[in-house]
C-alpha atoms as a PDB file:
ATOM      1  CA  MET A   1     151.946 253.544 222.353  1.00  0.00           C
ATOM      2  CA  ARG A   2     148.684 252.238 223.639  1.00  0.00           C
ATOM      3  CA  ARG A   3     147.286 248.698 223.346  1.00  0.00           C
ATOM      4  CA  LEU A   4     144.785 249.689 220.706  1.00  0.00           C
ATOM      5  CA  GLU A   5     147.383 251.394 218.565  1.00  0.00           C
ATOM      6  CA  LEU A   6     149.533 248.250 218.802  1.00  0.00           C
ATOM      7  CA  ALA A   7     146.470 246.094 217.830  1.00  0.00           C
ATOM      8  CA  GLN A   8     145.955 248.332 214.727  1.00  0.00           C
ATOM      9  CA  ALA A   9     149.551 247.801 213.711  1.00  0.00           C
ATOM     10  CA  ALA A  10     149.431 244.082 214.435  1.00  0.00           C
ATOM     11  CA  SER A  11     146.220 243.737 212.326  1.00  0.00           C
ATOM     12  CA  ARG A  12     148.123 245.261 209.357  1.00  0.00           C
ATOM     13  CA  VAL A  13     150.935 242.803 209.744  1.00  0.00           C
ATOM     14  CA  LEU A  14     148.463 239.862 210.073  1.00  0.00           C
ATOM     15  CA  GLY A  15     146.869 241.110 206.805  1.00  0.00           C
ATOM     16  CA  LEU A  16     150.196 240.665 205.144  1.00  0.00           C
ATOM     17  CA  ILE A  17     150.333 237.178 206.452  1.00  0.00           C
ATOM     18  CA  GLU A  18     146.912 236.585 205.280  1.00  0.00           C
ATOM     19  CA  VAL A  19     148.122 237.041 201.644  1.00  0.00           C
ATOM     20  CA  ARG A  20     150.081 233.852 201.972  1.00  0.00           C
ATOM     21  CA  ARG A  21     147.705 232.123 204.376  1.00  0.00           C
ATOM     22  CA  PRO A  22     144.193 233.094 203.314  1.00  0.00           C
ATOM     23  CA  THR A  23     142.516 230.363 205.361  1.00  0.00           C
ATOM     24  CA  LEU A  24     144.219 231.486 208.563  1.00  0.00           C
ATOM     25  CA  GLY A  25     143.482 235.074 207.844  1.00  0.00           C
ATOM     26  CA  ARG A  26     139.809 234.440 207.298  1.00  0.00           C
ATOM     27  CA  GLN A  27     139.711 232.720 210.671  1.00  0.00           C
ATOM     28  CA  TRP A  28     141.270 235.722 212.250  1.00  0.00           C
ATOM     29  CA  ARG A  29     138.984 238.223 210.564  1.00  0.00           C
ATOM     30  CA  ALA A  30     135.822 236.059 211.283  1.00  0.00           C
ATOM     31  CA  ALA A  31     136.540 235.727 215.042  1.00  0.00           C
ATOM     32  CA  ARG A  32     134.401 237.866 217.307  1.00  0.00           C
ATOM     33  CA  PRO A  33     135.897 237.397 220.761  1.00  0.00           C
ATOM     34  CA  ARG A  34     133.830 238.949 223.719  1.00  0.00           C
ATOM     35  CA  ILE A  35     135.883 241.910 224.797  1.00  0.00           C
ATOM     36  CA  SER A  36     134.394 243.274 228.018  1.00  0.00           C
ATOM     37  CA  ASP A  37     135.840 246.837 227.538  1.00  0.00           C
ATOM     38  CA  LEU A  38     135.626 247.183 223.817  1.00  0.00           C
ATOM     39  CA  PRO A  39     132.184 246.702 222.112  1.00  0.00           C
ATOM     40  CA  ALA A  40     131.910 245.301 218.603  1.00  0.00           C
ATOM     41  CA  SER A  41     130.607 248.627 217.484  1.00  0.00           C
ATOM     42  CA  HIS A  42     133.905 250.383 218.457  1.00  0.00           C
ATOM     43  CA  LEU A  43     136.001 251.435 215.479  1.00  0.00           C
ATOM     44  CA  GLY A  44     139.014 249.665 217.075  1.00  0.00           C
ATOM     45  CA  TYR A  45     137.259 246.406 217.700  1.00  0.00           C
ATOM     46  CA  PRO A  46     138.154 244.663 214.396  1.00  0.00           C
ATOM     47  CA  ALA A  47     141.835 245.281 214.920  1.00  0.00           C
ATOM     48  CA  ALA A  48     141.797 244.168 218.516  1.00  0.00           C
ATOM     49  CA  ALA A  49     139.565 241.083 217.784  1.00  0.00           C
ATOM     50  CA  MET A  50     142.061 240.163 214.996  1.00  0.00           C
ATOM     51  CA  ALA A  51     145.102 240.507 217.289  1.00  0.00           C
ATOM     52  CA  VAL A  52     143.300 238.506 220.013  1.00  0.00           C
ATOM     53  CA  ALA A  53     142.206 235.801 217.678  1.00  0.00           C
ATOM     54  CA  ALA A  54     145.687 235.402 216.236  1.00  0.00           C
ATOM     55  CA  ASP A  55     146.985 235.125 219.801  1.00  0.00           C
ATOM     56  CA  VAL A  56     149.231 238.161 219.389  1.00  0.00           C
ATOM     57  CA  MET A  57     147.630 240.136 222.126  1.00  0.00           C
ATOM     58  CA  PRO A  58     145.907 238.403 225.119  1.00  0.00           C
ATOM     59  CA  LEU A  59     142.851 239.568 226.989  1.00  0.00           C
ATOM     60  CA  ASP A  60     143.295 240.219 230.749  1.00  0.00           C
ATOM     61  CA  GLY A  61     140.311 238.526 232.424  1.00  0.00           C
ATOM     62  CA  GLY A  62     138.127 239.272 229.360  1.00  0.00           C
ATOM     63  CA  PHE A  63     139.292 242.963 229.075  1.00  0.00           C
ATOM     64  CA  PHE A  64     141.586 244.276 226.322  1.00  0.00           C
ATOM     65  CA  ARG A  65     142.361 247.622 228.117  1.00  0.00           C
ATOM     66  CA  PRO A  66     142.803 249.584 224.877  1.00  0.00           C
ATOM     67  CA  THR A  67     144.139 252.762 226.529  1.00  0.00           C
ATOM     68  CA  ARG A  68     146.771 250.978 228.610  1.00  0.00           C
ATOM     69  CA  LEU A  69     150.366 251.900 227.680  1.00  0.00           C
ATOM     70  CA  VAL A  70     152.406 249.133 226.047  1.00  0.00           C
ATOM     71  CA  THR A  71     155.495 248.697 228.206  1.00  0.00           C
ATOM     72  CA  GLY A  72     157.303 245.936 226.303  1.00  0.00           C
ATOM     73  CA  ALA A  73     157.085 243.645 229.336  1.00  0.00           C
ATOM     74  CA  ARG A  74     155.160 240.544 228.667  1.00  0.00           C
ATOM     75  CA  ARG A  75     153.626 238.472 231.488  1.00  0.00           C
ATOM     76  CA  SER A  76     153.682 234.708 230.968  1.00  0.00           C
ATOM     77  CA  THR A  77     150.461 232.883 231.776  1.00  0.00           C
END
């Protein structure tokens, strides 16, 4: 699985949370983080932006790295 695919799955789960916490969901959807390697015009940007805004998936120096494989390891910052 690649990071963008995980972001798409995460955004669906966040959408379920939004049903119970609409204010929080609106904040996540309204967020427009600057992602250096994923322009806002990209079809995957809304899912990645929502995952970043919800602090589910971090940026790496401003980069999302959408095609990088998800390994399961999480680096602490």
